[in-house]
Amino acid sequence: MLGCGLVPMSPGGLHSQGPDEGPARDDQVVATTKAVLLVEDEPAIALSLGDALREEGLAVATAQNGLEALQLLRNGLRPSVILLDLMMPVMDGASFREAQRRDPRLAAIPVVVLSAGG
């Protein structure tokens, strides 16, 4: 465990068979677990959003700032989407996006920006 609030999931968020999928056949495309990377520095917000996403059946990994998020992604985490706060310490959301877009392995991961800033 990386010590940053990760929920265990298989490498790349892949699984061979889910609870509602029945037996897999050779001609079927294997389904993927929907994984989300939540980048949020406020613990109460991260907890609330993470709980809501998990209730919807999503696997959730969390990072407290953009630098932690980049480390997780560069170590192989491949979420379906990144939920990104803009205002964070260490590395803010805008700096994270710049670094993400420069890395060809990470650039295609969609990002949804969340911010309480006014």
Foldseek 3Di string as FASTA:
>chain_A
DPPFAFDDADFQQFDQDDPPRPDDDPPDDGDGAAEEEEAAQDVVVCVVVCVVVVVVVHGYGYHNALVRVVVVVVVRHDHQAYEAEADGPPHGPVRSLVVQCVDPSRNPRYYDYDYPDD
